[in-house]
Amino acid sequence: MYIFELIYTIINKIKNPEKKNAEDFSDEYPNCEHTFVPVDSTKKVLACIKCGVIKKAKDIRK
């Protein structure tokens, strides 16, 4: 049964190639009005909630 699932996934990948997520966000980045929120509890790393750009807090405050 495993061999059939493997063949099915390989055929699916050939027929339907997936797009990379990094290329999708590169088009939106210049047009985004960034709204940054903290990613972790230290609040040193921030991410945009709209496009996913990651920045350090010290770089944004300048």
Protein backbone atom coordinates (compact mmCIF):
# COMPACT_ATOMS: atom_id res chain seq x y z
CA MET A 1 0.00 0.00 0.00
CA TYR A 2 2.88 2.38 0.76
CA ILE A 3 4.29 2.03 -2.73
CA PHE A 4 0.98 3.17 -4.27
CA GLU A 5 0.89 6.25 -2.03
CA LEU A 6 4.45 7.06 -2.99
CA ILE A 7 3.71 6.77 -6.70
CA TYR A 8 0.60 8.93 -6.26
CA THR A 9 2.52 11.72 -4.51
CA ILE A 10 5.27 11.70 -7.13
CA ILE A 11 2.74 11.95 -9.96
CA ASN A 12 0.91 14.74 -8.12
CA LYS A 13 4.13 16.74 -7.72
CA ILE A 14 4.88 16.43 -11.43
CA LYS A 15 1.38 17.49 -12.51
CA ASN A 16 0.92 20.28 -9.94
CA PRO A 17 4.20 22.03 -9.13
CA GLU A 18 3.97 24.18 -6.01
CA LYS A 19 4.83 27.86 -5.92
CA LYS A 20 7.37 29.15 -3.42
CA ASN A 21 5.99 31.35 -0.65
CA ALA A 22 8.97 33.72 -0.72
CA GLU A 23 8.11 34.82 -4.26
CA ASP A 24 4.51 35.54 -3.31
CA PHE A 25 5.47 37.92 -0.50
CA SER A 26 8.12 39.74 -2.49
CA ASP A 27 5.40 41.36 -4.62
CA GLU A 28 3.43 42.56 -1.59
CA TYR A 29 6.37 43.92 0.42
CA PRO A 30 6.72 47.38 -1.17
CA ASN A 31 2.96 47.99 -1.02
CA CYS A 32 2.44 46.82 2.57
CA GLU A 33 1.69 49.25 5.40
CA HIS A 34 3.64 47.34 8.03
CA THR A 35 2.06 46.65 11.41
CA PHE A 36 4.67 44.97 13.57
CA VAL A 37 3.89 42.74 16.56
CA PRO A 38 6.29 40.83 18.83
CA VAL A 39 7.08 37.26 17.84
CA ASP A 40 8.38 36.10 21.22
CA SER A 41 8.15 37.13 24.88
CA THR A 42 11.42 39.09 24.80
CA LYS A 43 9.92 41.53 22.27
CA LYS A 44 13.27 41.77 20.46
CA VAL A 45 12.01 40.24 17.20
CA LEU A 46 8.97 41.69 15.44
CA ALA A 47 6.97 40.50 12.45
CA CYS A 48 4.49 42.25 10.19
CA ILE A 49 1.00 40.80 10.57
CA LYS A 50 0.12 41.54 6.94
CA CYS A 51 3.09 40.34 4.90
CA GLY A 52 5.29 38.42 7.37
CA VAL A 53 8.45 40.55 7.19
CA ILE A 54 10.68 39.93 10.22
CA LYS A 55 12.72 42.75 11.77
CA LYS A 56 14.61 43.30 14.99
CA ALA A 57 13.15 45.89 17.36
CA LYS A 58 16.34 47.97 17.46
CA ASP A 59 16.25 48.37 13.64
CA ILE A 60 12.68 49.69 13.61
CA ARG A 61 13.14 52.35 16.31
CA LYS A 62 15.83 54.20 14.34
